[in-house]
Protein backbone atom coordinates (compact mmCIF):
# COMPACT_ATOMS: atom_id res chain seq x y z
CA UNK A 1 -0.09 0.03 -0.15
CA UNK A 2 2.82 2.44 0.98
CA UNK A 3 4.48 1.47 -2.46
CA UNK A 4 1.45 2.26 -4.37
CA UNK A 5 0.70 5.81 -2.84
CA UNK A 6 4.46 6.67 -3.24
CA UNK A 7 3.85 5.72 -6.94
CA UNK A 8 1.16 7.78 -7.42
CA UNK A 9 2.69 10.83 -5.63
CA UNK A 10 5.58 10.24 -8.12
CA UNK A 11 3.01 10.35 -11.08
CA UNK A 12 1.36 13.23 -9.93
CA UNK A 13 4.53 15.21 -9.47
CA UNK A 14 6.00 14.29 -12.80
CA UNK A 15 2.38 15.19 -14.46
CA UNK A 16 2.49 18.60 -12.45
CA UNK A 17 6.40 19.30 -13.53
CA UNK A 18 5.65 18.95 -17.21
CA UNK A 19 2.75 20.85 -17.29
CA UNK A 20 4.09 23.72 -15.43
CA UNK A 21 6.92 23.68 -17.65
CA UNK A 22 4.89 23.49 -20.74
CA UNK A 23 2.83 26.46 -19.48
CA UNK A 24 6.26 28.52 -19.20
CA UNK A 25 7.53 27.73 -22.70
CA UNK A 26 5.49 30.59 -24.43
CA UNK A 27 8.04 33.04 -24.64
CA UNK A 28 8.90 35.59 -27.48
CA UNK A 29 11.24 34.93 -30.36
CA UNK A 30 14.90 36.24 -29.62
CA UNK A 31 15.92 38.62 -32.01
CA UNK A 32 18.23 36.54 -34.10
CA UNK A 33 15.27 34.16 -34.84
CA UNK A 34 13.49 35.40 -38.04
CA UNK A 35 11.23 34.32 -40.89
CA UNK A 36 9.53 31.34 -38.73
CA UNK A 37 7.02 29.87 -41.50
CA UNK A 38 4.93 27.10 -41.63
CA UNK A 39 4.31 25.29 -45.61
CA UNK A 40 1.05 27.37 -45.96
CA UNK A 41 0.02 29.71 -48.71
CA UNK A 42 0.41 33.32 -47.71
CA UNK A 43 -3.48 34.05 -48.11
CA UNK A 44 -4.20 31.91 -45.31
CA UNK A 45 -1.19 31.19 -43.02
CA UNK A 46 -3.45 29.69 -40.22
CA UNK A 47 -1.39 26.61 -39.47
CA UNK A 48 -3.49 23.50 -39.87
CA UNK A 49 -2.50 20.63 -41.34
CA UNK A 50 -4.50 17.36 -42.08
CA UNK A 51 -3.89 14.24 -40.12
CA UNK A 52 -1.39 12.08 -41.85
CA UNK A 53 0.09 15.17 -43.99
CA UNK A 54 3.35 16.25 -44.06
CA UNK A 55 4.43 19.00 -41.82
CA UNK A 56 7.16 21.57 -42.64
CA UNK A 57 8.43 24.59 -40.88
CA UNK A 58 11.41 26.55 -41.44
CA UNK A 59 13.12 29.52 -39.80
CA UNK A 60 16.58 31.66 -40.20
CA UNK A 61 19.18 32.41 -37.41
CA UNK A 62 20.91 35.71 -38.74
CA UNK A 63 23.79 34.96 -36.29
CA UNK A 64 24.65 32.44 -39.08
CA UNK A 65 26.95 30.53 -37.26
CA UNK A 66 25.12 26.91 -37.77
CA UNK A 67 24.23 26.57 -34.51
CA UNK A 68 22.46 23.18 -33.18
CA UNK A 69 18.63 23.09 -32.88
CA UNK A 70 16.36 20.48 -31.34
CA UNK A 71 12.62 20.24 -31.76
CA UNK A 72 9.92 18.80 -29.07
CA UNK A 73 6.21 18.63 -29.72
CA UNK A 74 3.41 18.83 -27.07
CA UNK A 75 -0.26 18.27 -27.39
CA UNK A 76 -2.98 20.98 -26.04
CA UNK A 77 -6.80 21.10 -25.29
CA UNK A 78 -8.88 23.39 -27.30
CA UNK A 79 -8.07 26.04 -24.73
CA UNK A 80 -4.10 25.71 -25.17
CA UNK A 81 -3.95 24.10 -21.72
CA UNK A 82 -1.84 20.80 -21.78
CA UNK A 83 -3.91 17.64 -22.65
CA UNK A 84 -3.60 14.45 -20.57
CA UNK A 85 -2.11 12.63 -22.99
CA UNK A 86 1.73 11.35 -23.06
CA UNK A 87 4.20 11.88 -25.57
CA UNK A 88 3.49 8.05 -27.16
CA UNK A 89 0.10 8.69 -27.44
CA UNK A 90 0.07 11.52 -30.02
CA UNK A 91 3.58 11.14 -31.46
CA UNK A 92 4.75 8.43 -33.94
CA UNK A 93 8.26 8.30 -33.51
CA UNK A 94 10.48 10.26 -31.31
CA UNK A 95 11.07 13.85 -30.72
CA UNK A 96 14.23 16.15 -28.89
CA UNK A 97 16.19 15.47 -31.84
CA UNK A 98 18.20 17.65 -33.54
CA UNK A 99 17.35 19.56 -36.93
CA UNK A 100 19.78 18.25 -39.42
CA UNK A 101 18.65 20.06 -42.68
CA UNK A 102 20.11 23.61 -42.58
CA UNK A 103 21.72 25.77 -45.33
CA UNK A 104 23.67 28.96 -44.93
CA UNK A 105 23.05 32.17 -46.90
CA UNK A 106 24.99 33.06 -49.73
CA UNK A 107 25.51 36.34 -52.04
CA UNK A 108 23.62 38.12 -48.74
CA UNK A 109 25.28 41.04 -46.92
CA UNK A 110 23.69 39.85 -43.80
CA UNK A 111 24.90 36.05 -43.09
CA UNK A 112 22.35 33.45 -41.72
CA UNK A 113 21.36 29.84 -41.41
CA UNK A 114 18.05 28.92 -43.07
CA UNK A 115 16.80 25.61 -40.93
CA UNK A 116 14.27 23.57 -42.50
CA UNK A 117 12.04 21.07 -40.49
CA UNK A 118 9.99 18.40 -42.05
CA UNK A 119 8.07 15.44 -41.02
CA UNK A 120 7.80 12.54 -41.38
CA UNK A 121 11.44 12.12 -41.05
CA UNK A 122 13.73 9.16 -39.79
CA UNK A 123 13.05 9.97 -36.23
CA UNK A 124 9.44 11.46 -36.06
CA UNK A 125 6.94 9.88 -38.49
CA UNK A 126 3.70 12.17 -37.68
CA UNK A 127 1.04 12.85 -35.36
CA UNK A 128 -1.44 9.92 -34.04
CA UNK A 129 -4.26 12.50 -32.91
CA UNK A 130 -5.90 15.57 -34.12
CA UNK A 131 -5.99 18.46 -31.76
CA UNK A 132 -3.80 21.62 -30.62
CA UNK A 133 -0.09 21.32 -30.86
CA UNK A 134 2.96 23.15 -30.07
CA UNK A 135 6.58 22.89 -31.38
CA UNK A 136 9.01 24.06 -29.44
CA UNK A 137 12.56 24.74 -30.35
CA UNK A 138 15.53 24.62 -28.02
CA UNK A 139 19.40 25.05 -28.36
CA UNK A 140 22.18 22.62 -27.64
CA UNK A 141 22.10 23.80 -23.87
CA UNK A 142 18.43 22.62 -23.90
CA UNK A 143 17.25 26.33 -23.48
CA UNK A 144 14.29 27.09 -25.14
CA UNK A 145 14.38 29.58 -28.16
CA UNK A 146 10.92 29.88 -29.39
CA UNK A 147 7.99 27.99 -29.72
CA UNK A 148 4.90 28.32 -32.38
CA UNK A 149 1.41 26.56 -32.44
CA UNK A 150 -0.16 24.67 -34.99
CA UNK A 151 -3.36 22.34 -35.18
CA UNK A 152 -4.10 19.08 -36.54
CA UNK A 153 -7.34 18.47 -38.37
CA UNK A 154 -9.00 14.92 -38.34
CA UNK A 155 -11.96 16.28 -40.65
CA UNK A 156 -15.48 14.28 -39.28
CA UNK A 157 -17.71 17.22 -39.29
CA UNK A 158 -19.02 20.22 -41.55
CA UNK A 159 -18.66 23.75 -40.34
CA UNK A 160 -20.99 26.42 -41.92
CA UNK A 161 -19.81 30.12 -41.35
CA UNK A 162 -21.27 33.44 -42.27
CA UNK A 163 -20.32 36.71 -41.23
CA UNK A 164 -23.01 39.69 -40.33
CA UNK A 165 -23.21 43.10 -39.24
CA UNK A 166 -23.69 43.90 -35.57
CA UNK A 167 -27.33 43.98 -34.42
CA UNK A 168 -26.36 46.45 -31.80
CA UNK A 169 -26.68 50.06 -33.30
CA UNK A 170 -23.53 50.99 -30.92
CA UNK A 171 -21.23 48.71 -32.86
CA UNK A 172 -23.02 48.25 -36.38
CA UNK A 173 -20.30 50.49 -37.93
CA UNK A 174 -17.46 49.06 -36.04
CA UNK A 175 -17.88 45.21 -35.70
CA UNK A 176 -18.70 42.23 -37.34
CA UNK A 177 -20.11 39.28 -35.91
CA UNK A 178 -19.74 35.30 -36.90
CA UNK A 179 -22.73 32.85 -36.97
CA UNK A 180 -22.16 29.25 -37.76
CA UNK A 181 -23.04 25.66 -37.41
CA UNK A 182 -21.74 22.31 -36.85
CA UNK A 183 -23.08 19.00 -38.29
CA UNK A 184 -21.61 15.59 -38.48
CA UNK A 185 -22.58 12.06 -40.00
CA UNK A 186 -19.84 10.80 -37.85
CA UNK A 187 -20.15 11.82 -34.64
CA UNK A 188 -23.69 12.00 -32.73
CA UNK A 189 -23.49 14.92 -30.26
CA UNK A 190 -25.22 13.69 -27.08
CA UNK A 191 -23.96 16.43 -24.91
CA UNK A 192 -22.82 19.36 -26.93
CA UNK A 193 -22.69 21.77 -24.06
CA UNK A 194 -19.89 19.65 -22.68
CA UNK A 195 -18.24 17.47 -25.32
CA UNK A 196 -18.15 20.15 -28.36
CA UNK A 197 -15.95 23.54 -27.95
CA UNK A 198 -15.19 26.16 -30.69
CA UNK A 199 -12.55 28.62 -31.39
CA UNK A 200 -13.44 31.45 -33.88
CA UNK A 201 -10.08 33.13 -35.42
CA UNK A 202 -9.94 36.74 -37.20
CA UNK A 203 -7.27 36.48 -39.80
CA UNK A 204 -4.41 34.27 -38.45
CA UNK A 205 -4.16 35.94 -34.99
CA UNK A 206 -4.50 33.43 -32.38
CA UNK A 207 -4.08 36.10 -29.72
CA UNK A 208 -7.73 37.14 -30.42
CA UNK A 209 -9.47 33.91 -30.71
CA UNK A 210 -12.76 33.98 -28.93
CA UNK A 211 -13.70 30.46 -27.22
CA UNK A 212 -16.22 28.90 -24.78
CA UNK A 213 -19.07 29.47 -26.96
CA UNK A 214 -21.98 26.85 -26.46
CA UNK A 215 -24.80 25.94 -29.07
CA UNK A 216 -27.97 28.32 -28.79
CA UNK A 217 -30.03 25.36 -29.99
CA UNK A 218 -29.82 22.05 -32.14
CA UNK A 219 -31.77 21.02 -35.50
CA UNK A 220 -31.18 17.32 -35.14
CA UNK A 221 -27.69 16.83 -34.93
CA UNK A 222 -26.94 20.12 -36.11
CA UNK A 223 -25.95 22.63 -33.72
CA UNK A 224 -26.73 26.36 -34.20
CA UNK A 225 -24.44 29.33 -32.83
CA UNK A 226 -26.63 32.69 -33.76
CA UNK A 227 -24.91 35.19 -31.12
CA UNK A 228 -24.54 38.78 -31.43
CA UNK A 229 -22.25 40.17 -28.67
CA UNK A 230 -20.63 36.72 -27.80
CA UNK A 231 -19.23 36.04 -31.22
CA UNK A 232 -18.30 39.74 -32.62
CA UNK A 233 -15.00 41.09 -33.65
CA UNK A 234 -13.60 44.33 -34.03
CA UNK A 235 -13.69 45.18 -37.60
CA UNK A 236 -10.17 46.85 -37.76
CA UNK A 237 -9.10 48.30 -40.96
CA UNK A 238 -7.10 46.96 -43.85
CA UNK A 239 -3.79 46.11 -43.14
CA UNK A 240 -0.58 48.61 -43.74
CA UNK A 241 1.69 47.03 -46.59
CA UNK A 242 5.00 47.49 -48.17
CA UNK A 243 7.22 45.23 -50.57
CA UNK A 244 11.06 45.30 -50.99
CA UNK A 245 11.60 42.57 -53.75
CA UNK A 246 14.56 44.69 -54.74
CA UNK A 247 16.39 45.79 -51.79
CA UNK A 248 18.42 48.33 -53.48
CA UNK A 249 15.54 50.84 -54.43
CA UNK A 250 12.37 52.14 -53.50
CA UNK A 251 9.24 49.61 -53.92
CA UNK A 252 5.64 49.61 -52.97
CA UNK A 253 5.28 52.10 -49.99
CA UNK A 254 9.00 52.67 -49.35
CA UNK A 255 10.10 56.21 -49.54
CA UNK A 256 13.87 55.81 -49.89
CA UNK A 257 16.68 53.19 -49.32
CA UNK A 258 20.29 53.94 -47.48
CA UNK A 259 23.15 51.75 -47.67
CA UNK A 260 25.10 50.91 -44.56
CA UNK A 261 26.45 48.18 -42.90
CA UNK A 262 23.04 46.50 -44.38
CA UNK A 263 20.69 48.15 -46.44
CA UNK A 264 18.20 50.46 -44.99
CA UNK A 265 14.49 51.09 -46.40
CA UNK A 266 12.41 53.85 -45.12
CA UNK A 267 8.60 53.70 -45.12
CA UNK A 268 6.32 56.74 -46.01
CA UNK A 269 5.29 58.13 -42.73
CA UNK A 270 1.87 56.34 -41.56
CA UNK A 271 -0.79 58.38 -40.01
CA UNK A 272 -4.12 57.50 -38.32
CA UNK A 273 -6.91 56.34 -39.96
CA UNK A 274 -9.82 56.09 -37.56
CA UNK A 275 -11.57 59.41 -38.38
CA UNK A 276 -11.08 59.05 -42.39
CA UNK A 277 -13.70 57.23 -44.50
CA UNK A 278 -12.94 53.68 -45.27
CA UNK A 279 -10.90 52.97 -48.38
CA UNK A 280 -10.43 49.56 -49.56
CA UNK A 281 -6.91 48.52 -49.68
CA UNK A 282 -6.13 44.69 -50.97
CA UNK A 283 -3.85 43.08 -48.36
CA UNK A 284 -3.23 39.28 -47.20
CA UNK A 285 -4.99 39.74 -43.97
CA UNK A 286 -1.75 40.09 -42.00
CA UNK A 287 0.30 37.53 -43.54
CA UNK A 288 3.78 38.13 -45.47
CA UNK A 289 5.36 36.40 -48.47
CA UNK A 290 9.51 36.13 -48.65
CA UNK A 291 9.89 37.12 -52.68
CA UNK A 292 12.57 38.79 -54.69
CA UNK A 293 13.20 39.92 -58.16
CA UNK A 294 15.57 37.48 -59.65
CA UNK A 295 16.59 34.85 -56.85
CA UNK A 296 16.60 31.24 -57.49
CA UNK A 297 16.38 30.44 -54.20
CA UNK A 298 14.63 32.49 -51.69
CA UNK A 299 15.24 30.62 -48.76
CA UNK A 300 18.86 31.30 -48.68
CA UNK A 301 19.54 34.26 -51.19
CA UNK A 302 17.01 36.85 -49.99
CA UNK A 303 18.45 39.96 -48.29
CA UNK A 304 17.75 40.93 -44.92
CA UNK A 305 16.87 44.64 -44.59
CA UNK A 306 16.65 47.36 -41.85
CA UNK A 307 12.91 48.41 -42.52
CA UNK A 308 12.25 51.57 -40.83
CA UNK A 309 8.71 52.55 -39.65
CA UNK A 310 7.43 55.75 -38.79
CA UNK A 311 4.28 56.83 -37.14
CA UNK A 312 2.69 60.41 -36.92
CA UNK A 313 -0.24 60.29 -34.62
CA UNK A 314 -1.31 63.56 -35.59
CA UNK A 315 -2.28 64.71 -32.08
CA UNK A 316 -3.89 61.49 -30.96
CA UNK A 317 -2.96 60.98 -27.23
CA UNK A 318 -2.45 57.56 -26.05
CA UNK A 319 -3.76 56.77 -22.48
CA UNK A 320 -1.23 57.00 -19.78
CA UNK A 321 1.49 54.12 -19.89
CA UNK A 322 0.11 52.69 -23.30
CA UNK A 323 2.54 51.65 -25.67
CA UNK A 324 2.58 51.36 -29.80
CA UNK A 325 3.73 48.01 -31.66
CA UNK A 326 3.89 46.76 -34.71
CA UNK A 327 2.44 43.51 -35.26
CA UNK A 328 1.66 41.36 -38.29
CA UNK A 329 2.20 37.41 -38.80
CA UNK A 330 5.75 37.80 -39.76
CA UNK A 331 6.09 37.70 -35.88
CA UNK A 332 2.98 35.74 -35.26
CA UNK A 333 1.33 38.96 -33.70
CA UNK A 334 3.90 38.83 -30.61
CA UNK A 335 4.58 41.81 -28.43
CA UNK A 336 8.50 41.59 -29.34
CA UNK A 337 10.80 44.46 -27.88
CA UNK A 338 12.05 45.31 -31.30
CA UNK A 339 8.34 46.00 -32.75
CA UNK A 340 7.75 48.50 -30.19
CA UNK A 341 7.45 51.97 -31.83
CA UNK A 342 9.27 54.31 -29.62
CA UNK A 343 8.56 58.12 -29.42
CA UNK A 344 11.39 60.18 -30.94
CA UNK A 345 11.21 63.65 -29.32
CA UNK A 346 13.31 64.98 -32.30
CA UNK A 347 10.95 64.02 -35.26
CA UNK A 348 7.75 63.88 -33.21
CA UNK A 349 7.09 60.46 -34.41
CA UNK A 350 6.88 56.97 -33.40
CA UNK A 351 9.86 54.75 -34.82
CA UNK A 352 10.88 51.32 -34.99
CA UNK A 353 13.55 49.52 -36.97
CA UNK A 354 12.85 45.76 -37.99
CA UNK A 355 15.17 43.77 -39.49
CA UNK A 356 13.01 41.62 -42.06
CA UNK A 357 13.76 39.53 -44.85
CA UNK A 358 12.86 40.67 -48.59
CA UNK A 359 9.13 40.30 -49.62
CA UNK A 360 5.73 41.59 -49.32
CA UNK A 361 4.59 42.53 -45.62
CA UNK A 362 1.15 43.22 -44.25
CA UNK A 363 1.55 45.06 -40.34
CA UNK A 364 -0.49 47.09 -38.27
CA UNK A 365 -0.23 49.43 -35.26
CA UNK A 366 -1.57 48.05 -32.21
CA UNK A 367 -1.97 49.90 -28.73
CA UNK A 368 -1.28 47.95 -25.83
CA UNK A 369 -2.75 49.64 -22.66
CA UNK A 370 -1.36 49.45 -19.20
CA UNK A 371 -3.83 46.50 -18.23
CA UNK A 372 -2.02 44.47 -21.10
CA UNK A 373 -5.31 44.49 -23.37
CA UNK A 374 -5.08 45.18 -27.03
CA UNK A 375 -6.57 47.68 -29.21
CA UNK A 376 -5.90 47.39 -33.16
CA UNK A 377 -8.35 50.27 -33.62
CA UNK A 378 -7.09 53.22 -31.85
CA UNK A 379 -4.79 54.01 -34.50
CA UNK A 380 -6.44 52.86 -37.64
CA UNK A 381 -10.03 52.87 -36.66
CA UNK A 382 -12.43 50.09 -36.83
CA UNK A 383 -14.63 49.77 -40.17
CA UNK A 384 -17.44 47.28 -40.93
CA UNK A 385 -16.41 47.05 -44.36
CA UNK A 386 -13.07 45.61 -43.68
CA UNK A 387 -12.13 42.57 -45.39
CA UNK A 388 -11.22 39.98 -42.63
CA UNK A 389 -10.87 36.18 -42.90
CA UNK A 390 -12.90 34.42 -40.17
CA UNK A 391 -12.19 30.60 -39.25
CA UNK A 392 -14.22 28.51 -37.03
CA UNK A 393 -12.52 25.55 -35.30
CA UNK A 394 -14.64 22.62 -34.08
CA UNK A 395 -13.24 20.42 -31.23
CA UNK A 396 -14.84 17.18 -29.71
CA UNK A 397 -14.17 15.27 -26.68
CA UNK A 398 -15.44 11.41 -26.47
CA UNK A 399 -17.53 10.86 -23.38
CA UNK A 400 -14.54 9.57 -20.84
CA UNK A 401 -12.01 11.02 -23.39
CA UNK A 402 -8.88 12.35 -22.26
CA UNK A 403 -8.18 15.07 -24.98
CA UNK A 404 -9.81 17.42 -27.53
CA UNK A 405 -10.06 16.24 -31.46
CA UNK A 406 -9.89 19.05 -33.82
CA UNK A 407 -12.93 17.58 -35.94
CA UNK A 408 -13.82 20.52 -38.57
CA UNK A 409 -13.15 23.87 -39.93
CA UNK A 410 -15.22 26.32 -41.50
CA UNK A 411 -14.02 29.84 -43.01
CA UNK A 412 -15.92 32.92 -44.57
CA UNK A 413 -14.59 36.15 -45.57
CA UNK A 414 -16.41 39.73 -44.78
CA UNK A 415 -16.45 40.46 -48.29
CA UNK A 416 -19.82 38.42 -48.28
CA UNK A 417 -20.68 40.53 -45.07
CA UNK A 418 -24.71 40.59 -44.85
CA UNK A 419 -27.07 42.48 -42.52
């Protein structure tokens, strides 16, 4: 009996330690890690892979010293809390292995090493179950360098999505709401309030995900969600953008270029748009695409350039202790020190210099209040006409199950918004 109790205590401590460590492993990328990319097309870089499909992720280390990096995977529930599954229950093969596939840049002023992780490989064959995952990248000292979230889908349901204008007259000009249903021929939703979970994502920004929404009613096995306030997003405005496929001369939205140790591209000064009428400006919803004019292999031939951002708030006063960050999917919409726009007393503008690989980039200015909340509309405004991409993810937990399966995804674009 005594040994059995000791065994239970040991198991509990191991489980608690693993989960505590996993929760702590959400850190910002260091400034030398750049261009972290899943093998997804630029029009929708939400990292969702079908169960059994190949997985690929790449990144650059601009120190360029061929450092050794190792990868680990963890499985999570719908709300990004660690699941109860052990490694051998969700992973085919083993992880904590070195990334062997890397190449050094050539013909570039800024040296860097480009790493490419592909699964299946000789050590890791794939994933056994669907759901939320995180990949953690460690250095040779087993120190966490960065992490990324992604999802694995096992399609067992249909998710129908449509975008509506807000019903509340206070928000009809500034918000967009998401209505949807979930239906399945493979799963009988016996207790959908407990077994069915959803995640609603605007564009590819996982930081603003809406969860914990229950079905309002059902039509047979079809679960219907027709909320107003609970599934509404601030509409925001179209993302700003620039392109520097030719890094030696001005391209789209670049004012001028200067050569120093590296090339420096100075963007045209941005201003607030919240009080302006909405203007359609095609974007790729916060995403980015590494592209050049004449290179054969952008992975190792594209140049890194210092991009100079400048924002003239034109008299708009920030709340006390609020900060401005430049965000996009190029940095997973993270609040990183290098992405903070600092007020320059001399120029009277908020400025930042960010090292980015050649390409086409979307970005926006986000205000972070003292309490940590984000406001994407403080500078650019919220316009109901804004084109946004919405994704609804459906998660299901079997009776007595120990993890949340990702069983469906539905998508809709606000270009087709209706009343």
